[in-house]
C-alpha atoms as a PDB file:
ATOM      1  CA  MET A   1     -15.297 -16.766  -8.557  1.00  0.00           C
ATOM      2  CA  SER A   2     -13.795 -14.707  -5.299  1.00  0.00           C
ATOM      3  CA  ASP A   3     -13.151 -15.669  -2.129  1.00  0.00           C
ATOM      4  CA  PHE A   4     -14.503 -14.277   1.100  1.00  0.00           C
ATOM      5  CA  THR A   5     -13.574 -14.032   4.160  1.00  0.00           C
ATOM      6  CA  ARG A   6     -14.638 -12.367   7.257  1.00  0.00           C
ATOM      7  CA  GLN A   7     -12.021 -10.675   9.120  1.00  0.00           C
ATOM      8  CA  PRO A   8     -11.235 -10.248  12.742  1.00  0.00           C
ATOM      9  CA  VAL A   9     -12.416  -6.854  14.446  1.00  0.00           C
ATOM     10  CA  SER A  10     -12.546  -6.805  18.180  1.00  0.00           C
ATOM     11  CA  PHE A  11     -13.797  -3.850  20.152  1.00  0.00           C
ATOM     12  CA  PRO A  12     -15.719  -3.082  23.735  1.00  0.00           C
ATOM     13  CA  ALA A  13     -19.421  -2.690  22.950  1.00  0.00           C
ATOM     14  CA  SER A  14     -22.567  -2.417  25.184  1.00  0.00           C
ATOM     15  CA  ALA A  15     -24.731  -4.215  27.627  1.00  0.00           C
ATOM     16  CA  VAL A  16     -28.000  -3.117  28.916  1.00  0.00           C
ATOM     17  CA  PHE A  17     -29.598  -4.394  31.801  1.00  0.00           C
ATOM     18  CA  LEU A  18     -33.381  -3.857  32.576  1.00  0.00           C
ATOM     19  CA  ASP A  19     -35.342  -4.627  35.437  1.00  0.00           C
ATOM     20  CA  ASP A  20     -37.488  -3.234  38.086  1.00  0.00           C
ATOM     21  CA  SER A  21     -35.439  -3.609  41.313  1.00  0.00           C
ATOM     22  CA  VAL A  22     -32.802  -1.054  41.877  1.00  0.00           C
ATOM     23  CA  GLY A  23     -31.253  -3.256  44.744  1.00  0.00           C
ATOM     24  CA  PHE A  24     -30.981  -5.936  42.229  1.00  0.00           C
ATOM     25  CA  LEU A  25     -29.447  -3.441  39.574  1.00  0.00           C
ATOM     26  CA  SER A  26     -27.038  -1.705  42.189  1.00  0.00           C
ATOM     27  CA  ALA A  27     -25.590  -5.722  42.684  1.00  0.00           C
ATOM     28  CA  LEU A  28     -24.793  -5.863  39.275  1.00  0.00           C
ATOM     29  CA  ARG A  29     -23.615  -2.784  39.254  1.00  0.00           C
ATOM     30  CA  SER A  30     -21.004  -3.861  41.372  1.00  0.00           C
ATOM     31  CA  MET A  31     -20.268  -6.454  39.240  1.00  0.00           C
ATOM     32  CA  PHE A  32     -20.078  -4.869  36.148  1.00  0.00           C
ATOM     33  CA  PRO A  33     -18.663  -1.444  37.253  1.00  0.00           C
ATOM     34  CA  ASP A  34     -17.622  -0.270  33.759  1.00  0.00           C
ATOM     35  CA  THR A  35     -20.685   2.274  33.672  1.00  0.00           C
ATOM     36  CA  ARG A  36     -19.798   3.620  30.034  1.00  0.00           C
ATOM     37  CA  THR A  37     -19.901   0.161  28.612  1.00  0.00           C
ATOM     38  CA  HIS A  38     -23.027  -1.454  30.939  1.00  0.00           C
ATOM     39  CA  HIS A  39     -26.073   0.788  31.267  1.00  0.00           C
ATOM     40  CA  PHE A  40     -28.308  -0.170  33.818  1.00  0.00           C
ATOM     41  CA  PHE A  41     -32.098   1.131  33.931  1.00  0.00           C
ATOM     42  CA  ALA A  42     -35.392   0.497  36.022  1.00  0.00           C
ATOM     43  CA  ARG A  43     -37.756   1.846  33.315  1.00  0.00           C
ATOM     44  CA  PRO A  44     -38.451   0.078  30.160  1.00  0.00           C
ATOM     45  CA  GLY A  45     -39.052   3.131  28.203  1.00  0.00           C
ATOM     46  CA  GLN A  46     -35.835   4.683  29.117  1.00  0.00           C
ATOM     47  CA  ALA A  47     -34.292   1.113  28.228  1.00  0.00           C
ATOM     48  CA  LEU A  48     -35.814   0.858  25.107  1.00  0.00           C
ATOM     49  CA  ASP A  49     -34.955   4.315  24.019  1.00  0.00           C
ATOM     50  CA  PHE A  50     -31.476   3.265  24.171  1.00  0.00           C
ATOM     51  CA  VAL A  51     -31.106   0.370  22.321  1.00  0.00           C
ATOM     52  CA  MET A  52     -33.621   1.304  19.378  1.00  0.00           C
ATOM     53  CA  ARG A  53     -30.686   4.516  19.297  1.00  0.00           C
ATOM     54  CA  ASN A  54     -27.709   2.607  19.958  1.00  0.00           C
ATOM     55  CA  GLY A  55     -28.276  -0.819  18.720  1.00  0.00           C
ATOM     56  CA  TYR A  56     -27.196  -2.057  14.805  1.00  0.00           C
ATOM     57  CA  PRO A  57     -29.733  -3.150  12.787  1.00  0.00           C
ATOM     58  CA  ALA A  58     -29.851  -6.789  12.026  1.00  0.00           C
ATOM     59  CA  ARG A  59     -28.491  -7.699   8.593  1.00  0.00           C
ATOM     60  CA  GLY A  60     -28.100 -10.922   6.954  1.00  0.00           C
ATOM     61  CA  ALA A  61     -25.293 -13.344   6.523  1.00  0.00           C
ATOM     62  CA  ARG A  62     -25.103 -13.148   3.150  1.00  0.00           C
ATOM     63  CA  LEU A  63     -23.683 -10.283   1.054  1.00  0.00           C
ATOM     64  CA  ALA A  64     -25.358  -7.416  -0.380  1.00  0.00           C
ATOM     65  CA  GLY A  65     -25.703  -7.001  -4.044  1.00  0.00           C
ATOM     66  CA  ARG A  66     -23.653  -3.490  -3.761  1.00  0.00           C
ATOM     67  CA  ASP A  67     -20.786  -5.232  -2.457  1.00  0.00           C
ATOM     68  CA  PHE A  68     -20.716  -8.057  -5.162  1.00  0.00           C
ATOM     69  CA  ALA A  69     -20.703  -5.160  -7.763  1.00  0.00           C
ATOM     70  CA  ALA A  70     -18.118  -3.393  -5.842  1.00  0.00           C
ATOM     71  CA  VAL A  71     -15.550  -6.825  -6.365  1.00  0.00           C
ATOM     72  CA  ASP A  72     -16.964  -6.797 -10.039  1.00  0.00           C
ATOM     73  CA  CYS A  73     -15.310  -3.610 -10.171  1.00  0.00           C
ATOM     74  CA  GLY A  74     -12.304  -4.132  -8.711  1.00  0.00           C
ATOM     75  CA  ALA A  75     -12.992  -1.951  -6.129  1.00  0.00           C
ATOM     76  CA  GLY A  76     -10.126  -2.636  -3.582  1.00  0.00           C
ATOM     77  CA  ASN A  77      -9.316  -6.042  -1.911  1.00  0.00           C
ATOM     78  CA  ALA A  78     -12.451  -5.715   1.055  1.00  0.00           C
ATOM     79  CA  VAL A  79     -15.880  -5.245   0.854  1.00  0.00           C
ATOM     80  CA  GLY A  80     -18.477  -4.036   3.861  1.00  0.00           C
ATOM     81  CA  ASP A  81     -18.724  -1.210   6.256  1.00  0.00           C
ATOM     82  CA  ASP A  82     -16.276  -0.237   7.928  1.00  0.00           C
ATOM     83  CA  VAL A  83     -16.908  -0.301  11.954  1.00  0.00           C
ATOM     84  CA  MET A  84     -13.943   1.648  12.782  1.00  0.00           C
ATOM     85  CA  GLU A  85     -15.065   4.599  11.227  1.00  0.00           C
ATOM     86  CA  ASP A  86     -17.979   3.820  12.980  1.00  0.00           C
ATOM     87  CA  GLY A  87     -17.522   6.814  16.267  1.00  0.00           C
ATOM     88  CA  ASN A  88     -20.706   5.004  17.957  1.00  0.00           C
ATOM     89  CA  ARG A  89     -19.267   1.509  18.026  1.00  0.00           C
ATOM     90  CA  PHE A  90     -18.464   1.707  21.905  1.00  0.00           C
ATOM     91  CA  GLN A  91     -22.267   2.637  22.660  1.00  0.00           C
ATOM     92  CA  SER A  92     -23.544  -0.086  20.253  1.00  0.00           C
ATOM     93  CA  VAL A  93     -25.323  -2.794  22.036  1.00  0.00           C
ATOM     94  CA  ALA A  94     -23.713  -6.242  21.970  1.00  0.00           C
ATOM     95  CA  ALA A  95     -26.220  -7.737  24.299  1.00  0.00           C
ATOM     96  CA  VAL A  96     -29.859  -7.248  26.653  1.00  0.00           C
ATOM     97  CA  VAL A  97     -30.038  -8.441  29.726  1.00  0.00           C
ATOM     98  CA  VAL A  98     -34.049  -8.433  31.153  1.00  0.00           C
ATOM     99  CA  ASP A  99     -35.949  -9.361  33.787  1.00  0.00           C
ATOM    100  CA  TYR A 100     -38.911 -11.628  33.318  1.00  0.00           C
ATOM    101  CA  GLU A 101     -41.018 -10.158  36.015  1.00  0.00           C
ATOM    102  CA  MET A 102     -41.543  -6.824  35.851  1.00  0.00           C
ATOM    103  CA  PRO A 103     -44.884  -4.613  36.760  1.00  0.00           C
ATOM    104  CA  GLU A 104     -45.169  -2.597  33.711  1.00  0.00           C
ATOM    105  CA  ILE A 105     -44.000  -4.569  31.375  1.00  0.00           C
ATOM    106  CA  ASP A 106     -42.690  -8.598  31.094  1.00  0.00           C
ATOM    107  CA  GLY A 107     -39.444  -9.736  30.070  1.00  0.00           C
ATOM    108  CA  LEU A 108     -40.547 -11.266  26.980  1.00  0.00           C
ATOM    109  CA  THR A 109     -42.855  -8.089  25.705  1.00  0.00           C
ATOM    110  CA  PHE A 110     -40.341  -6.057  26.066  1.00  0.00           C
ATOM    111  CA  LEU A 111     -37.330  -7.866  24.219  1.00  0.00           C
ATOM    112  CA  SER A 112     -40.188  -8.346  21.109  1.00  0.00           C
ATOM    113  CA  GLN A 113     -40.659  -4.512  20.943  1.00  0.00           C
ATOM    114  CA  MET A 114     -36.612  -4.166  20.010  1.00  0.00           C
ATOM    115  CA  LYS A 115     -37.708  -4.950  16.224  1.00  0.00           C
ATOM    116  CA  GLY A 116     -34.852  -5.530  13.941  1.00  0.00           C
ATOM    117  CA  ILE A 117     -32.023  -4.921  16.440  1.00  0.00           C
ATOM    118  CA  ASP A 118     -29.164  -7.555  15.854  1.00  0.00           C
ATOM    119  CA  CYS A 119     -28.054  -8.108  19.559  1.00  0.00           C
ATOM    120  CA  THR A 120     -27.811 -11.056  21.868  1.00  0.00           C
ATOM    121  CA  ARG A 121     -30.913 -11.074  24.106  1.00  0.00           C
ATOM    122  CA  ILE A 122     -30.981 -12.993  27.713  1.00  0.00           C
ATOM    123  CA  LEU A 123     -33.613 -13.316  30.019  1.00  0.00           C
ATOM    124  CA  LEU A 124     -33.500 -13.497  33.788  1.00  0.00           C
ATOM    125  CA  THR A 125     -36.049 -15.517  35.864  1.00  0.00           C
ATOM    126  CA  GLY A 126     -37.153 -15.871  39.413  1.00  0.00           C
ATOM    127  CA  LYS A 127     -39.520 -18.279  40.507  1.00  0.00           C
ATOM    128  CA  ALA A 128     -41.911 -17.207  37.975  1.00  0.00           C
ATOM    129  CA  GLY A 129     -41.108 -17.270  34.437  1.00  0.00           C
ATOM    130  CA  ALA A 130     -39.307 -20.413  34.161  1.00  0.00           C
ATOM    131  CA  PRO A 131     -41.720 -21.974  31.904  1.00  0.00           C
ATOM    132  CA  GLU A 132     -42.323 -19.401  29.607  1.00  0.00           C
ATOM    133  CA  ALA A 133     -38.345 -18.672  29.407  1.00  0.00           C
ATOM    134  CA  VAL A 134     -37.884 -22.268  28.014  1.00  0.00           C
ATOM    135  CA  ASP A 135     -40.844 -22.179  25.110  1.00  0.00           C
ATOM    136  CA  ALA A 136     -39.122 -18.485  24.333  1.00  0.00           C
ATOM    137  CA  PHE A 137     -35.855 -20.064  24.226  1.00  0.00           C
ATOM    138  CA  ASN A 138     -37.588 -23.095  22.219  1.00  0.00           C
ATOM    139  CA  ALA A 139     -39.056 -20.393  19.693  1.00  0.00           C
ATOM    140  CA  GLY A 140     -36.277 -17.993  19.305  1.00  0.00           C
ATOM    141  CA  LEU A 141     -37.392 -15.321  20.767  1.00  0.00           C
ATOM    142  CA  ILE A 142     -34.329 -15.175  22.919  1.00  0.00           C
ATOM    143  CA  ASP A 143     -31.225 -16.497  22.854  1.00  0.00           C
ATOM    144  CA  TYR A 144     -30.381 -17.667  26.537  1.00  0.00           C
ATOM    145  CA  TYR A 145     -32.021 -17.533  29.943  1.00  0.00           C
ATOM    146  CA  LEU A 146     -30.685 -17.324  33.538  1.00  0.00           C
ATOM    147  CA  LYS A 147     -32.558 -18.362  37.238  1.00  0.00           C
ATOM    148  CA  LYS A 148     -31.469 -15.095  39.400  1.00  0.00           C
ATOM    149  CA  SER A 149     -31.505 -18.042  42.489  1.00  0.00           C
ATOM    150  CA  ASP A 150     -28.628 -19.698  40.816  1.00  0.00           C
ATOM    151  CA  VAL A 151     -25.382 -19.552  42.545  1.00  0.00           C
ATOM    152  CA  GLU A 152     -23.588 -19.070  39.387  1.00  0.00           C
ATOM    153  CA  MET A 153     -25.615 -16.614  37.500  1.00  0.00           C
ATOM    154  CA  ILE A 154     -22.634 -13.523  37.657  1.00  0.00           C
ATOM    155  CA  VAL A 155     -20.197 -16.077  36.219  1.00  0.00           C
ATOM    156  CA  LYS A 156     -22.207 -17.659  33.558  1.00  0.00           C
ATOM    157  CA  LEU A 157     -23.523 -14.191  32.833  1.00  0.00           C
ATOM    158  CA  ARG A 158     -20.069 -12.686  32.451  1.00  0.00           C
ATOM    159  CA  ALA A 159     -19.502 -15.549  29.831  1.00  0.00           C
ATOM    160  CA  LEU A 160     -22.317 -14.821  28.362  1.00  0.00           C
ATOM    161  CA  LEU A 161     -21.621 -11.110  27.797  1.00  0.00           C
ATOM    162  CA  GLY A 162     -18.022 -11.978  26.935  1.00  0.00           C
ATOM    163  CA  ASP A 163     -19.725 -14.202  23.880  1.00  0.00           C
ATOM    164  CA  ALA A 164     -21.928 -11.351  23.008  1.00  0.00           C
ATOM    165  CA  ARG A 165     -19.273  -8.668  22.679  1.00  0.00           C
ATOM    166  CA  ARG A 166     -17.439 -11.359  20.285  1.00  0.00           C
ATOM    167  CA  LYS A 167     -20.377 -12.551  18.425  1.00  0.00           C
ATOM    168  CA  HIS A 168     -21.168  -8.527  17.813  1.00  0.00           C
ATOM    169  CA  CYS A 169     -18.041  -7.362  16.837  1.00  0.00           C
ATOM    170  CA  MET A 170     -17.094 -10.388  14.591  1.00  0.00           C
ATOM    171  CA  SER A 171     -20.071 -10.089  12.279  1.00  0.00           C
ATOM    172  CA  ARG A 172     -19.012  -6.802  11.312  1.00  0.00           C
ATOM    173  CA  GLY A 173     -15.843  -7.194  10.407  1.00  0.00           C
ATOM    174  CA  LEU A 174     -15.176  -6.063   6.390  1.00  0.00           C
ATOM    175  CA  VAL A 175     -14.819  -9.069   4.207  1.00  0.00           C
ATOM    176  CA  SER A 176     -11.767  -9.714   2.121  1.00  0.00           C
ATOM    177  CA  VAL A 177     -11.956 -10.710  -1.155  1.00  0.00           C
ATOM    178  CA  HIS A 178      -9.191 -12.483  -3.388  1.00  0.00           C
ATOM    179  CA  ASP A 179      -8.401 -15.063  -0.492  1.00  0.00           C
ATOM    180  CA  THR A 180      -6.550 -11.401   0.857  1.00  0.00           C
ATOM    181  CA  GLY A 181      -5.686 -12.164   4.377  1.00  0.00           C
ATOM    182  CA  ALA A 182      -7.257 -15.538   4.807  1.00  0.00           C
ATOM    183  CA  VAL A 183      -4.874 -16.703   7.444  1.00  0.00           C
ATOM    184  CA  TYR A 184      -5.973 -13.876   9.701  1.00  0.00           C
ATOM    185  CA  ALA A 185      -9.310 -15.615   9.716  1.00  0.00           C
ATOM    186  CA  ARG A 186      -7.980 -19.093  10.815  1.00  0.00           C
ATOM    187  CA  PRO A 187      -9.056 -20.126  14.555  1.00  0.00           C
ATOM    188  CA  GLU A 188      -5.103 -20.705  15.375  1.00  0.00           C
ATOM    189  CA  THR A 189      -4.097 -17.366  13.839  1.00  0.00           C
ATOM    190  CA  LEU A 190      -7.447 -15.526  16.466  1.00  0.00           C
ATOM    191  CA  ALA A 191      -5.707 -17.669  19.196  1.00  0.00           C
ATOM    192  CA  VAL A 192      -2.584 -16.028  18.756  1.00  0.00           C
ATOM    193  CA  LEU A 193      -4.239 -12.415  18.374  1.00  0.00           C
ATOM    194  CA  GLU A 194      -6.369 -12.898  21.916  1.00  0.00           C
ATOM    195  CA  ASN A 195      -3.434 -13.964  23.634  1.00  0.00           C
ATOM    196  CA  LEU A 196      -1.173 -11.093  22.632  1.00  0.00           C
ATOM    197  CA  ALA A 197      -4.503  -9.183  23.337  1.00  0.00           C
ATOM    198  CA  ARG A 198      -4.675 -10.398  27.210  1.00  0.00           C
ATOM    199  CA  ARG A 199      -0.591  -9.889  27.589  1.00  0.00           C
ATOM    200  CA  GLU A 200      -0.460  -6.561  25.990  1.00  0.00           C
ATOM    201  CA  SER A 201      -3.913  -4.914  27.533  1.00  0.00           C
ATOM    202  CA  ILE A 202      -5.117  -4.849  23.571  1.00  0.00           C
ATOM    203  CA  THR A 203      -8.981  -3.125  23.894  1.00  0.00           C
ATOM    204  CA  GLU A 204      -9.824  -2.930  20.079  1.00  0.00           C
ATOM    205  CA  TYR A 205      -8.210  -4.527  17.013  1.00  0.00           C
ATOM    206  CA  TYR A 206      -9.088  -3.912  13.202  1.00  0.00           C
ATOM    207  CA  TRP A 207      -7.731  -5.607  10.304  1.00  0.00           C
ATOM    208  CA  ARG A 208      -7.124  -3.045   7.420  1.00  0.00           C
ATOM    209  CA  PRO A 209      -7.476  -3.727   3.933  1.00  0.00           C
ATOM    210  CA  ASP A 210      -4.597  -1.515   2.450  1.00  0.00           C
ATOM    211  CA  GLY A 211      -1.494  -3.241   4.999  1.00  0.00           C
ATOM    212  CA  ASN A 212      -3.414  -6.400   5.160  1.00  0.00           C
ATOM    213  CA  ALA A 213      -2.586  -6.448   8.642  1.00  0.00           C
ATOM    214  CA  ILE A 214      -4.947  -5.801  11.850  1.00  0.00           C
ATOM    215  CA  LEU A 215      -4.551  -2.450  13.696  1.00  0.00           C
ATOM    216  CA  THR A 216      -4.256  -3.033  17.329  1.00  0.00           C
ATOM    217  CA  PHE A 217      -5.021  -0.208  20.275  1.00  0.00           C
ATOM    218  CA  ASP A 218      -3.867  -1.134  24.005  1.00  0.00           C
ATOM    219  CA  ALA A 219      -6.003   0.485  27.159  1.00  0.00           C
ATOM    220  CA  ALA A 220      -3.804   3.736  26.668  1.00  0.00           C
ATOM    221  CA  GLY A 221      -5.025   4.229  22.853  1.00  0.00           C
ATOM    222  CA  GLU A 222      -1.325   3.562  21.832  1.00  0.00           C
ATOM    223  CA  ALA A 223      -1.051   1.659  18.267  1.00  0.00           C
ATOM    224  CA  GLY A 224       0.516  -1.116  17.064  1.00  0.00           C
ATOM    225  CA  ILE A 225       0.731  -3.506  14.232  1.00  0.00           C
ATOM    226  CA  PHE A 226      -0.003  -7.283  14.076  1.00  0.00           C
ATOM    227  CA  LEU A 227       1.151  -9.672  10.836  1.00  0.00           C
ATOM    228  CA  ALA A 228       0.157 -12.655  10.115  1.00  0.00           C
ATOM    229  CA  TRP A 229       2.098 -14.529   7.197  1.00  0.00           C
ATOM    230  CA  ASP A 230       1.414 -18.140   5.483  1.00  0.00           C
ATOM    231  CA  GLU A 231       3.475 -19.974   2.644  1.00  0.00           C
ATOM    232  CA  THR A 232       1.989 -17.806   0.099  1.00  0.00           C
ATOM    233  CA  ASP A 233       1.816 -14.511   1.743  1.00  0.00           C
ATOM    234  CA  TRP A 234       5.453 -14.969   2.402  1.00  0.00           C
ATOM    235  CA  ALA A 235       6.126 -16.085  -1.485  1.00  0.00           C
ATOM    236  CA  LEU A 236       4.072 -12.837  -2.711  1.00  0.00           C
ATOM    237  CA  GLN A 237       6.471 -10.417  -0.298  1.00  0.00           C
ATOM    238  CA  CYS A 238       9.353 -11.915  -1.495  1.00  0.00           C
ATOM    239  CA  ASP A 239       8.450 -11.864  -5.223  1.00  0.00           C
ATOM    240  CA  VAL A 240       7.494  -8.466  -4.980  1.00  0.00           C
ATOM    241  CA  ILE A 241      11.279  -7.446  -3.437  1.00  0.00           C
ATOM    242  CA  ALA A 242      12.896  -9.475  -5.961  1.00  0.00           C
ATOM    243  CA  ASP A 243      10.361  -7.764  -8.978  1.00  0.00           C
ATOM    244  CA  GLU A 244      11.227  -4.674  -7.611  1.00  0.00           C
ATOM    245  CA  GLY A 245      15.178  -4.925  -6.908  1.00  0.00           C
ATOM    246  CA  GLY A 246      15.117  -5.221  -3.085  1.00  0.00           C
ATOM    247  CA  PRO A 247      17.770  -5.718  -0.755  1.00  0.00           C
ATOM    248  CA  ARG A 248      19.502  -9.279  -1.725  1.00  0.00           C
ATOM    249  CA  GLU A 249      20.141  -9.111   2.543  1.00  0.00           C
ATOM    250  CA  LEU A 250      16.273  -8.811   2.984  1.00  0.00           C
ATOM    251  CA  LEU A 251      15.030 -11.455   0.628  1.00  0.00           C
ATOM    252  CA  ASP A 252      17.927 -13.759   2.367  1.00  0.00           C
ATOM    253  CA  GLU A 253      16.269 -13.221   6.014  1.00  0.00           C
ATOM    254  CA  MET A 254      12.954 -13.570   5.137  1.00  0.00           C
ATOM    255  CA  ASN A 255      13.780 -16.499   3.132  1.00  0.00           C
ATOM    256  CA  ALA A 256      15.263 -17.867   6.015  1.00  0.00           C
ATOM    257  CA  ARG A 257      12.341 -16.777   8.329  1.00  0.00           C
ATOM    258  CA  ARG A 258      14.255 -14.606  10.185  1.00  0.00           C
ATOM    259  CA  THR A 259      13.096 -11.531   9.635  1.00  0.00           C
ATOM    260  CA  MET A 260       9.537 -10.103   8.940  1.00  0.00           C
ATOM    261  CA  PRO A 261       9.901  -6.437   7.116  1.00  0.00           C
ATOM    262  CA  ILE A 262       6.961  -4.171   8.542  1.00  0.00           C
ATOM    263  CA  PHE A 263       5.540  -2.226   5.512  1.00  0.00           C
ATOM    264  CA  TRP A 264       2.708  -0.433   7.314  1.00  0.00           C
ATOM    265  CA  PRO A 265       0.663   1.587   5.637  1.00  0.00           C
ATOM    266  CA  HIS A 266       1.739  -0.495   2.433  1.00  0.00           C
ATOM    267  CA  GLN A 267       0.954  -3.998   1.859  1.00  0.00           C
ATOM    268  CA  ALA A 268       4.442  -5.090   0.263  1.00  0.00           C
ATOM    269  CA  TYR A 269       7.796  -3.760  -0.803  1.00  0.00           C
ATOM    270  CA  ARG A 270       8.057  -0.279  -2.237  1.00  0.00           C
ATOM    271  CA  PRO A 271      11.160   0.894  -3.307  1.00  0.00           C
ATOM    272  CA  GLU A 272      10.263   4.620  -2.724  1.00  0.00           C
ATOM    273  CA  ALA A 273       9.450   3.380   0.676  1.00  0.00           C
ATOM    274  CA  GLU A 274      11.872   3.251   3.267  1.00  0.00           C
ATOM    275  CA  ILE A 275      11.614   0.520   5.387  1.00  0.00           C
ATOM    276  CA  VAL A 276      12.012   1.725   9.060  1.00  0.00           C
ATOM    277  CA  ARG A 277      10.654  -1.881  10.962  1.00  0.00           C
ATOM    278  CA  TYR A 278      11.655  -5.320  11.274  1.00  0.00           C
ATOM    279  CA  ALA A 279      10.311  -7.855  13.389  1.00  0.00           C
ATOM    280  CA  VAL A 280      11.173 -10.882  14.324  1.00  0.00           C
ATOM    281  CA  PRO A 281       8.720 -13.798  13.131  1.00  0.00           C
ATOM    282  CA  HIS A 282       6.858 -16.280  15.749  1.00  0.00           C
ATOM    283  CA  ALA A 283       5.262 -20.102  14.329  1.00  0.00           C
ATOM    284  CA  ILE A 284       1.547 -19.659  14.549  1.00  0.00           C
ATOM    285  CA  ASN A 285       1.342 -23.291  16.313  1.00  0.00           C
ATOM    286  CA  GLY A 286      -0.892 -25.715  13.849  1.00  0.00           C
ATOM    287  CA  LEU A 287      -0.503 -23.508  11.091  1.00  0.00           C
ATOM    288  CA  PRO A 288       2.924 -25.181   9.203  1.00  0.00           C
ATOM    289  CA  GLY A 289       5.038 -22.427   7.045  1.00  0.00           C
ATOM    290  CA  ALA A 290       2.607 -19.147   9.132  1.00  0.00           C
ATOM    291  CA  PHE A 291       4.452 -16.948  10.820  1.00  0.00           C
ATOM    292  CA  TYR A 292       2.952 -13.478  12.843  1.00  0.00           C
ATOM    293  CA  SER A 293       4.463 -10.298  14.528  1.00  0.00           C
ATOM    294  CA  TRP A 294       3.040  -7.685  16.502  1.00  0.00           C
ATOM    295  CA  THR A 295       5.122  -4.330  16.267  1.00  0.00           C
ATOM    296  CA  ARG A 296       4.068  -1.285  18.392  1.00  0.00           C
ATOM    297  CA  LEU A 297       3.825   1.964  16.313  1.00  0.00           C
ATOM    298  CA  ASP A 298       4.215   5.893  16.699  1.00  0.00           C
ATOM    299  CA  GLY A 299       1.740   8.149  16.677  1.00  0.00           C
ATOM    300  CA  ASP A 300       3.013   9.761  13.153  1.00  0.00           C
ATOM    301  CA  ASP A 301       2.380   5.845  11.818  1.00  0.00           C
ATOM    302  CA  LEU A 302      -0.737   6.819  11.622  1.00  0.00           C
ATOM    303  CA  VAL A 303      -2.381   8.602   8.642  1.00  0.00           C
ATOM    304  CA  ALA A 304      -5.589   8.592   9.908  1.00  0.00           C
ATOM    305  CA  ARG A 305      -5.868   8.161  14.017  1.00  0.00           C
ATOM    306  CA  PRO A 306      -9.878   6.665  14.513  1.00  0.00           C
ATOM    307  CA  LEU A 307     -11.371   7.377  18.355  1.00  0.00           C
ATOM    308  CA  THR A 308      -9.931   4.817  20.261  1.00  0.00           C
ATOM    309  CA  PHE A 309     -11.762   3.468  22.983  1.00  0.00           C
ATOM    310  CA  ALA A 310      -8.808   5.193  25.148  1.00  0.00           C
ATOM    311  CA  GLU A 311     -10.316   8.483  23.930  1.00  0.00           C
ATOM    312  CA  TRP A 312     -13.653   8.058  23.837  1.00  0.00           C
ATOM    313  CA  ARG A 313     -14.210   6.921  28.034  1.00  0.00           C
ATOM    314  CA  LEU A 314     -12.075  10.030  28.393  1.00  0.00           C
ATOM    315  CA  GLU A 315     -14.782  11.909  26.218  1.00  0.00           C
ATOM    316  CA  GLN A 316     -17.138   9.920  28.547  1.00  0.00           C
ATOM    317  CA  GLN A 317     -15.797  11.933  31.603  1.00  0.00           C
ATOM    318  CA  PHE A 318     -16.461  15.068  30.578  1.00  0.00           C
ATOM    319  CA  HIS A 319     -19.935  14.180  28.742  1.00  0.00           C
ATOM    320  CA  ARG A 320     -21.807  11.525  31.190  1.00  0.00           C
ATOM    321  CA  SER A 321     -24.321  10.060  29.533  1.00  0.00           C
ATOM    322  CA  ASP A 322     -27.914   8.417  30.884  1.00  0.00           C
ATOM    323  CA  SER A 323     -26.059   5.239  31.417  1.00  0.00           C
ATOM    324  CA  CYS A 324     -23.679   6.546  34.265  1.00  0.00           C
ATOM    325  CA  ALA A 325     -26.665   6.209  36.675  1.00  0.00           C
ATOM    326  CA  VAL A 326     -28.995   3.683  37.610  1.00  0.00           C
ATOM    327  CA  HIS A 327     -32.941   5.274  36.270  1.00  0.00           C
ATOM    328  CA  PRO A 328     -35.289   5.121  39.004  1.00  0.00           C
END
């Protein structure tokens, strides 16, 4: 029986706003100015077309049969689709925000047309639509509803969109098997990673199965490696070095938790691979025996560089999408 762990992933995803009031959309645009990941529509047909083209299909929480078959065949230490290889991931729809009262179609009817799309649904109500929103929420047709008259509407909406993006990303992380990298999914480790992302302007990160590490990219597209090892990982790493006849000095430093070697792109020590980086391990609060490190990488350290958010944004400047203007 294998232990399965959904591994961390985070990247900027898109939100769609639909309202028949161009003035209200303009006000929203001033609050959410990045028009590459925030898409504003006044026409329901255009909004629906965008969502259906860029929304990820809904899927069950359970692994598919092919994933179990891959585990049984011993195919690596992870299963699932690698979202880092999806060049459309930044355009993927994490949330849809729609006004309830519109002349062509009401918001609930619009949301019901988004069949099979996995995203957070947020309904905005004015004087009308409040009872319908409550009923729709209780029936599970929408995830949240907000009143436009609420003075804290923008603050609440910003928080909901942040939660929607995190949910959207985390549900698409690779699933590790055989307990590989279980420490990365612990809330204590995730808190460290999120704090690091804020401090170092990291805009996206992805757990990588081959190196059992998290590959990060900052706002400029520069790469880094985040490592987290618990006591089991430390013991495994030290055993590999000892078995392969590695440096005794390295073992001593690791056993004393004074150094954390970066074996990237490999998962562990290899005699033929030169170790070019050593990081200082830092304790993970709340996880006794667990440590982490983060190290910047050079461009040559990436065998296959994915399309980063920084590069994607640059492409969008030359290929302006429909989302760059309010659609009358």
